[in-house]
Amino acid sequence: MPIRVLVDLLFFTGRRGGTETYARAIATRLPQALPDAQFVALTNRAGADRVRGFFPGEVHVVDWVGTDRLSWAAGEVLAVDRRARRLGADVVWSPANFAPLGRSVVPRVTTTHDATYHLRDGGGLGGVLARVTAWLMGRAARSSDLVITGSHTAASEVIAHMGVDPAVVTVIAHGTNEPSVPDDPWSELAALGIRPGRPIVMSTGNRLPHKNFEGILRAVATVEGDRPLVVVPGSRGADPLAPLVERLRLQGDVVLPGWVSAAQLEALYACASLYVCPSLEEGFGLPVLDAMRRGCVVLANDVPVLREVGGDVAIYADATSPAPFAAAIRDALADDQTERREAGVRRSSEYTWERSAEQTARVIQAAAERSRTGR
C-alpha cells in the first residue's frame, strides 16, 4: 500500500528565496524517488497558485494563513497535524525550519536549515523576533521524528544549540541546476542598465542581516581608482542597501536591480568576472554552488560552512574586514581564472537535486515506516 506524504508548504509565497528553491527542487523530484507514494501539499492562500504550478499532487489551502510569519507559525501549531490526520497522511515533511511544536500521531520529518537565529545577538524588536524564531525552530526540531540538514556544519550547530538528538539528524547536501544561458546575455542586462566595459562582481540573496552585503559595499568603497561594477539583485521594493550605497558614494559603482528574471540572473552569471558570497552564516551555502555550476570564480567569507561547500576551489577572505576583503576581490579579478572556473564546474556538478531528493525520500520512508509498524 503506497505511503501518503503531506508536504508542509505553509511558508511558500514565492518571495522567500533559498528555502523555496530547496522545497520546490525536492518536491518536484520526490515522485521519481518514491514512485509508489501519494503526495499532498498544505499551503497558504497567497502561495496556493504558485504551489499548484509545481507540486506533483493534491494541494490543500489553509485560508487564514497569509504571507506573514505570525500566521505561518500559527498554522504550523494549529493546522498541520490536524490536516495530516484528516487527510490520512503517513508522514509529514516540513522543509522550511518551522513545524508543529509537539509530538504527533503522524510522524514528522523537518528540514532545519541552520541555527542562525540561535547565534544572533541583538536588542530591540529584531532581537526579540530572533529569540522567538529560535525557540520555535528548536521546539519544532526536537519534536520531529527525524531531522534533515544541509551540511555537517549546520548539523553540529543544530545539535549544539537546539538540543536535537544526533541520532535523528541526517545531513543531505543540496543540489544545483544546469545553467540556462541566454543567447545574448548582454541584451538581457541592458534592461538593468548594465553594459560591457567593466568587470562585474555579483552577489545574490535576500536582505537579511546575516547575508552581510554591507561587507561587499564597504570593501569596494576602500578601492581607489578603477572599481568593478558590483551588482546585487534579490530585493523586492525599496532596497535597504540603497542608503548605504549613497553614504559610501558608490552610486556609480553599485547596481541594485531588485528582483530580476530568471534570464537576467543567468545573464549576470554568464557576464560576471567574480561571484562574492559575504555571508556570515549559512545552513549550506547554495549561492556558492550555483555560482560555481555556472562557471563563476567564487570569493566567499571565510566561515566553515562555505569552506565545506566550496572546498579548495573557492577563494576565502574575511568579509568583515573591508580593506583585506577588497584586496581579495582585486586579486581574484587579476588572476587567470580559467582553471578555477573549470574546477568549480566539476565540483558543483557532483551536487544534484536528484541525489538530494533520493536521500530525502529515504528519510521520509523511514519515518513513515514508524507509523505503520507502531515504532
Protein backbone atom coordinates (compact mmCIF):
# COMPACT_ATOMS: atom_id res chain seq x y z
CA MET A 1 0.00 0.00 0.00
CA PRO A 2 1.56 3.38 -1.00
CA ILE A 3 2.53 5.83 1.69
CA ARG A 4 0.80 9.20 1.79
CA VAL A 5 3.15 12.17 2.30
CA LEU A 6 1.92 15.57 3.43
CA VAL A 7 4.39 18.29 2.37
CA ASP A 8 4.09 21.31 4.64
CA LEU A 9 4.29 24.35 2.34
CA LEU A 10 2.51 26.83 4.59
CA PHE A 11 5.54 29.12 4.23
CA PHE A 12 5.53 29.27 0.42
CA THR A 13 4.90 32.76 -1.01
CA GLY A 14 7.32 32.96 -3.95
CA ARG A 15 9.42 35.50 -2.04
CA ARG A 16 11.39 33.50 0.49
CA GLY A 17 14.45 32.73 -1.58
CA GLY A 18 16.61 29.72 -0.82
CA THR A 19 14.15 27.73 1.30
CA GLU A 20 11.60 27.89 -1.52
CA THR A 21 14.21 26.88 -4.10
CA TYR A 22 15.06 23.89 -1.91
CA ALA A 23 11.46 22.86 -1.24
CA ARG A 24 10.42 23.15 -4.89
CA ALA A 25 13.51 21.28 -6.15
CA ILE A 26 12.97 18.35 -3.79
CA ALA A 27 9.16 18.22 -4.01
CA THR A 28 9.15 18.02 -7.81
CA ARG A 29 11.62 15.11 -7.72
CA LEU A 30 10.09 13.08 -4.90
CA PRO A 31 7.68 11.16 -7.18
CA GLN A 32 10.64 9.68 -9.02
CA ALA A 33 12.40 8.84 -5.76
CA LEU A 34 9.19 7.46 -4.16
CA PRO A 35 7.23 6.21 -7.19
CA ASP A 36 4.50 4.46 -5.22
CA ALA A 37 3.83 7.36 -2.82
CA GLN A 38 0.94 9.80 -2.87
CA PHE A 39 1.74 13.47 -2.25
CA VAL A 40 -0.43 16.16 -0.69
CA ALA A 41 0.62 19.78 -0.14
CA LEU A 42 -0.65 22.12 2.55
CA THR A 43 -0.14 25.78 1.67
CA ASN A 44 -1.34 29.30 2.44
CA ARG A 45 -3.80 31.40 0.47
CA ALA A 46 -1.11 33.69 -1.01
CA GLY A 47 1.11 30.91 -2.31
CA ALA A 48 -1.57 28.49 -3.46
CA ASP A 49 -1.35 29.26 -7.19
CA ARG A 50 2.45 29.06 -7.17
CA VAL A 51 2.35 25.73 -5.36
CA ARG A 52 -0.23 24.33 -7.78
CA GLY A 53 2.16 25.28 -10.58
CA PHE A 54 4.83 22.80 -9.50
CA PHE A 55 3.51 20.41 -6.87
CA PRO A 56 3.02 16.78 -8.02
CA GLY A 57 -0.21 16.03 -6.17
CA GLU A 58 -3.20 17.42 -4.32
CA VAL A 59 -2.94 20.96 -2.93
CA HIS A 60 -4.95 21.97 0.14
CA VAL A 61 -5.14 25.58 1.29
CA VAL A 62 -5.35 26.96 4.84
CA ASP A 63 -7.20 30.16 4.02
CA TRP A 64 -6.35 32.03 7.21
CA VAL A 65 -2.56 31.68 6.72
CA GLY A 66 -1.06 34.54 4.70
CA THR A 67 2.40 35.83 3.88
CA ASP A 68 3.36 36.95 7.40
CA ARG A 69 5.42 34.82 9.75
CA LEU A 70 2.89 35.13 12.57
CA SER A 71 0.06 33.42 10.69
CA TRP A 72 2.56 30.90 9.27
CA ALA A 73 3.69 29.99 12.78
CA ALA A 74 0.07 29.77 13.95
CA GLY A 75 -0.71 27.49 11.02
CA GLU A 76 2.12 25.16 11.99
CA VAL A 77 0.77 24.92 15.53
CA LEU A 78 -2.94 24.71 14.76
CA ALA A 79 -3.39 23.30 11.27
CA VAL A 80 -0.66 20.90 10.13
CA ASP A 81 -1.21 17.96 12.49
CA ARG A 82 -4.98 18.26 12.25
CA ARG A 83 -4.93 18.28 8.42
CA ALA A 84 -2.39 15.45 8.34
CA ARG A 85 -4.73 13.20 10.33
CA ARG A 86 -7.78 14.27 8.33
CA LEU A 87 -6.02 13.59 5.03
CA GLY A 88 -4.74 10.20 6.14
CA ALA A 89 -1.05 11.11 5.89
CA ASP A 90 1.53 8.53 6.93
CA VAL A 91 4.23 11.18 7.33
CA VAL A 92 4.63 14.97 7.26
CA TRP A 93 7.67 16.64 5.71
CA SER A 94 8.25 20.27 6.75
CA PRO A 95 11.04 21.68 4.53
CA ALA A 96 11.45 25.18 5.99
CA ASN A 97 12.53 25.12 9.66
CA PHE A 98 9.07 25.63 11.16
CA ALA A 99 6.85 22.68 12.03
CA PRO A 100 4.28 21.70 14.68
CA LEU A 101 5.78 22.13 18.14
CA GLY A 102 4.71 18.91 19.84
CA ARG A 103 4.77 15.21 19.17
CA SER A 104 2.06 13.96 16.84
CA VAL A 105 0.38 10.70 15.94
CA VAL A 106 1.65 11.31 12.38
CA PRO A 107 5.46 11.01 12.17
CA ARG A 108 7.26 14.13 11.04
CA VAL A 109 10.45 14.92 9.16
CA THR A 110 11.68 18.52 9.44
CA THR A 111 14.42 20.15 7.42
CA THR A 112 16.19 22.50 9.81
CA HIS A 113 18.45 24.56 7.60
CA ASP A 114 20.60 26.28 10.20
CA ALA A 115 20.86 27.68 13.71
CA THR A 116 21.24 31.28 12.53
CA TYR A 117 18.69 32.70 14.95
CA HIS A 118 20.31 30.88 17.88
CA LEU A 119 23.63 32.52 17.06
CA ARG A 120 22.33 36.04 16.61
CA ASP A 121 22.71 38.69 19.28
CA GLY A 122 20.87 41.96 19.50
CA GLY A 123 18.30 44.00 21.31
CA GLY A 124 15.12 45.75 20.30
CA LEU A 125 12.33 44.25 18.27
CA GLY A 126 14.76 42.45 15.96
CA GLY A 127 16.38 40.69 18.90
CA VAL A 128 13.00 39.67 20.31
CA LEU A 129 11.87 38.26 16.96
CA ALA A 130 15.16 36.36 16.60
CA ARG A 131 14.74 34.77 20.04
CA VAL A 132 11.12 33.81 19.33
CA THR A 133 12.11 32.33 15.97
CA ALA A 134 14.95 30.41 17.59
CA TRP A 135 12.58 28.98 20.20
CA LEU A 136 10.02 27.93 17.57
CA MET A 137 12.68 26.30 15.39
CA GLY A 138 14.22 24.48 18.35
CA ARG A 139 10.89 23.11 19.56
CA ALA A 140 9.96 22.01 16.04
CA ALA A 141 13.27 20.20 15.53
CA ARG A 142 13.24 18.49 18.93
CA SER A 143 9.67 17.25 18.48
CA SER A 144 10.32 15.85 14.99
CA ASP A 145 10.92 12.15 14.48
CA LEU A 146 13.75 12.79 12.04
CA VAL A 147 15.65 15.96 11.08
CA ILE A 148 17.40 16.80 7.80
CA THR A 149 20.02 19.49 7.45
CA GLY A 150 22.18 20.50 4.51
CA SER A 151 25.73 20.48 5.87
CA HIS A 152 27.84 18.96 8.62
CA THR A 153 28.47 22.47 9.92
CA ALA A 154 24.74 23.13 10.25
CA ALA A 155 24.17 19.69 11.81
CA SER A 156 26.73 20.43 14.52
CA GLU A 157 25.07 23.76 15.29
CA VAL A 158 21.55 22.29 15.32
CA ILE A 159 22.67 19.59 17.75
CA ALA A 160 24.62 22.00 19.97
CA HIS A 161 22.20 24.95 20.07
CA MET A 162 18.81 23.25 19.69
CA GLY A 163 19.45 20.14 21.76
CA VAL A 164 18.47 17.78 18.95
CA ASP A 165 19.47 14.13 19.38
CA PRO A 166 22.34 13.43 16.93
CA ALA A 167 20.81 10.02 16.19
CA VAL A 168 17.82 11.61 14.40
CA VAL A 169 19.85 14.05 12.24
CA THR A 170 20.74 13.26 8.61
CA VAL A 171 22.98 15.50 6.52
CA ILE A 172 21.81 15.78 2.91
CA ALA A 173 23.63 18.25 0.69
CA HIS A 174 21.61 20.46 -1.61
CA GLY A 175 21.82 20.32 -5.37
CA THR A 176 22.11 22.80 -8.20
CA ASN A 177 20.51 23.07 -11.62
CA GLU A 178 22.09 23.12 -15.05
CA PRO A 179 22.64 26.69 -16.26
CA SER A 180 20.40 28.04 -18.99
CA VAL A 181 22.43 30.82 -20.56
CA PRO A 182 20.52 33.31 -22.76
CA ASP A 183 21.66 33.58 -26.37
CA ASP A 184 22.65 37.22 -25.84
CA PRO A 185 23.37 37.81 -22.12
CA TRP A 186 24.31 41.46 -22.53
CA SER A 187 20.97 42.30 -24.12
CA GLU A 188 19.26 40.84 -21.04
CA LEU A 189 21.43 43.06 -18.81
CA ALA A 190 20.83 46.21 -20.85
CA ALA A 191 17.36 46.47 -19.29
CA LEU A 192 19.10 46.70 -15.90
CA GLY A 193 21.41 49.47 -17.11
CA ILE A 194 24.41 47.13 -17.24
CA ARG A 195 26.69 47.23 -20.29
CA PRO A 196 30.09 45.78 -21.20
CA GLY A 197 33.24 47.64 -20.21
CA ARG A 198 33.80 46.97 -16.51
CA PRO A 199 34.39 43.71 -14.65
CA ILE A 200 31.22 42.66 -12.87
CA VAL A 201 31.28 41.47 -9.27
CA MET A 202 27.92 39.94 -8.39
CA SER A 203 26.21 38.60 -5.31
CA THR A 204 22.65 37.44 -4.70
CA GLY A 205 20.19 36.95 -1.88
CA ASN A 206 17.59 38.43 0.39
CA ARG A 207 18.46 41.31 2.65
CA LEU A 208 18.57 39.50 6.00
CA PRO A 209 21.41 40.86 8.17
CA HIS A 210 23.49 37.68 8.13
CA LYS A 211 23.85 37.90 4.35
CA ASN A 212 26.29 40.77 5.01
CA PHE A 213 26.08 42.56 1.67
CA GLU A 214 27.38 45.52 3.63
CA GLY A 215 30.70 43.66 3.61
CA ILE A 216 30.98 43.96 -0.18
CA LEU A 217 29.98 47.61 -0.24
CA ARG A 218 32.38 48.68 2.47
CA ALA A 219 35.18 46.73 0.81
CA VAL A 220 34.62 48.31 -2.62
CA ALA A 221 34.47 51.76 -1.01
CA THR A 222 38.13 51.33 0.04
CA VAL A 223 39.26 50.74 -3.56
CA GLU A 224 40.96 53.74 -5.11
CA GLY A 225 40.99 54.19 -8.85
CA ASP A 226 39.15 51.84 -11.19
CA ARG A 227 36.47 49.84 -9.41
CA PRO A 228 34.50 46.84 -10.61
CA LEU A 229 30.76 47.18 -11.07
CA VAL A 230 29.02 45.50 -8.14
CA VAL A 231 25.57 44.03 -8.89
CA VAL A 232 23.41 42.70 -6.05
CA PRO A 233 19.92 41.53 -7.11
CA GLY A 234 17.45 39.97 -4.72
CA SER A 235 15.34 42.67 -3.10
CA ARG A 236 11.68 43.48 -3.65
CA GLY A 237 10.54 47.07 -3.26
CA ALA A 238 12.84 49.70 -1.79
CA ASP A 239 16.28 48.12 -1.34
CA PRO A 240 17.58 48.53 2.23
CA LEU A 241 21.12 48.64 0.82
CA ALA A 242 20.43 51.85 -1.10
CA PRO A 243 21.06 54.26 1.81
CA LEU A 244 24.47 52.68 2.47
CA VAL A 245 25.37 52.92 -1.22
CA GLU A 246 24.60 56.62 -1.04
CA ARG A 247 26.53 57.20 2.19
CA LEU A 248 29.58 55.45 0.75
CA ARG A 249 29.21 57.40 -2.52
CA LEU A 250 29.05 54.25 -4.58
CA GLN A 251 26.14 55.24 -6.81
CA GLY A 252 28.28 54.85 -9.94
CA ASP A 253 29.80 51.57 -8.80
CA VAL A 254 26.83 49.57 -7.49
CA VAL A 255 23.65 48.39 -9.21
CA LEU A 256 20.75 47.21 -7.05
CA PRO A 257 18.34 45.87 -9.68
CA GLY A 258 15.80 44.39 -7.28
CA TRP A 259 14.15 41.08 -8.11
CA VAL A 260 15.38 40.02 -11.56
CA SER A 261 14.01 37.49 -14.03
CA ALA A 262 15.49 34.02 -14.40
CA ALA A 263 17.00 35.03 -17.75
CA GLN A 264 18.56 38.17 -16.28
CA LEU A 265 20.03 36.18 -13.39
CA GLU A 266 21.57 33.66 -15.78
CA ALA A 267 22.93 36.54 -17.86
CA LEU A 268 24.58 38.03 -14.79
CA TYR A 269 26.29 34.73 -14.02
CA ALA A 270 27.44 34.49 -17.64
CA CYS A 271 28.92 38.00 -17.68
CA ALA A 272 30.28 38.20 -14.13
CA SER A 273 34.02 38.15 -13.53
CA LEU A 274 33.55 37.19 -9.87
CA TYR A 275 30.80 35.96 -7.56
CA VAL A 276 31.11 37.09 -3.95
CA CYS A 277 29.36 35.39 -1.01
CA PRO A 278 30.00 37.57 2.07
CA SER A 279 27.50 35.73 4.28
CA LEU A 280 28.29 35.45 7.98
CA GLU A 281 26.19 32.31 8.46
CA GLU A 282 24.56 29.76 6.17
CA GLY A 283 22.93 26.39 6.54
CA PHE A 284 24.50 25.14 3.34
CA GLY A 285 25.79 27.86 1.02
CA LEU A 286 23.72 27.21 -2.09
CA PRO A 287 24.76 30.54 -3.70
CA VAL A 288 28.37 29.30 -3.80
CA LEU A 289 27.32 26.08 -5.50
CA ASP A 290 25.03 27.81 -8.02
CA ALA A 291 27.75 30.26 -9.00
CA MET A 292 30.40 27.56 -9.48
CA ARG A 293 27.98 25.49 -11.58
CA ARG A 294 27.74 28.46 -13.92
CA GLY A 295 31.48 28.83 -14.26
CA CYS A 296 31.94 31.76 -11.89
CA VAL A 297 35.02 32.22 -9.77
CA VAL A 298 33.79 32.45 -6.17
CA LEU A 299 35.13 34.56 -3.30
CA ALA A 300 33.46 33.58 -0.02
CA ASN A 301 33.61 34.76 3.55
CA ASP A 302 35.97 32.50 5.46
CA VAL A 303 33.49 30.53 7.58
CA PRO A 304 33.31 26.72 7.97
CA VAL A 305 30.06 26.09 6.11
CA LEU A 306 31.21 27.94 2.98
CA ARG A 307 34.52 26.07 3.04
CA GLU A 308 32.52 22.84 3.29
CA VAL A 309 30.69 23.69 0.08
CA GLY A 310 33.42 25.48 -1.84
CA GLY A 311 36.27 23.16 -0.91
CA ASP A 312 39.64 24.16 -2.34
CA VAL A 313 38.03 25.67 -5.44
CA ALA A 314 36.58 28.86 -3.93
CA ILE A 315 38.72 31.72 -2.60
CA TYR A 316 38.25 32.78 1.03
CA ALA A 317 38.74 36.03 2.90
CA ASP A 318 37.32 37.83 5.93
CA ALA A 319 34.25 39.70 4.69
CA THR A 320 34.05 41.73 7.90
CA SER A 321 37.40 43.48 7.23
CA PRO A 322 36.85 45.91 4.31
CA ALA A 323 40.44 46.51 3.16
CA PRO A 324 41.59 42.85 3.16
CA PHE A 325 38.32 41.80 1.52
CA ALA A 326 38.81 44.46 -1.15
CA ALA A 327 42.34 43.14 -1.74
CA ALA A 328 40.93 39.63 -2.19
CA ILE A 329 38.43 40.98 -4.75
CA ARG A 330 41.20 42.76 -6.68
CA ASP A 331 43.45 39.68 -6.62
CA ALA A 332 40.65 37.39 -7.80
CA LEU A 333 39.85 39.72 -10.70
CA ALA A 334 43.52 39.95 -11.69
CA ASP A 335 44.20 36.19 -11.70
CA ASP A 336 43.96 33.89 -14.69
CA GLN A 337 40.56 32.37 -13.89
CA THR A 338 40.29 29.55 -16.41
CA GLU A 339 41.48 26.69 -14.22
CA ARG A 340 39.45 27.80 -11.21
CA ARG A 341 36.30 28.17 -13.29
CA GLU A 342 36.68 24.67 -14.71
CA ALA A 343 37.37 23.21 -11.27
CA GLY A 344 34.24 24.89 -9.93
CA VAL A 345 32.07 23.39 -12.65
CA ARG A 346 33.49 19.93 -11.93
CA ARG A 347 32.97 20.22 -8.18
CA SER A 348 29.45 21.65 -8.36
CA SER A 349 28.29 19.06 -10.90
CA GLU A 350 28.67 16.43 -8.17
CA TYR A 351 25.80 18.08 -6.28
CA THR A 352 22.45 17.26 -7.88
CA TRP A 353 18.87 17.76 -6.75
CA GLU A 354 18.14 14.21 -7.89
CA ARG A 355 20.63 12.81 -5.38
CA SER A 356 19.30 15.12 -2.68
CA ALA A 357 15.72 14.03 -3.41
CA GLU A 358 16.65 10.34 -3.30
CA GLN A 359 18.28 10.74 0.10
CA THR A 360 15.36 12.82 1.37
CA ALA A 361 12.95 10.14 0.17
CA ARG A 362 14.78 7.52 2.22
CA VAL A 363 14.39 9.62 5.36
CA ILE A 364 10.68 10.20 4.66
CA GLN A 365 10.20 6.48 4.02
CA ALA A 366 11.93 5.64 7.31
CA ALA A 367 9.65 7.99 9.23
CA ALA A 368 6.56 6.58 7.52
CA GLU A 369 7.59 3.05 8.48
CA ARG A 370 7.48 4.11 12.13
CA SER A 371 3.81 4.94 11.67
CA ARG A 372 2.96 1.65 10.04
CA THR A 373 4.92 -0.54 12.44
CA GLY A 374 3.92 1.42 15.55
CA ARG A 375 7.54 2.26 16.42
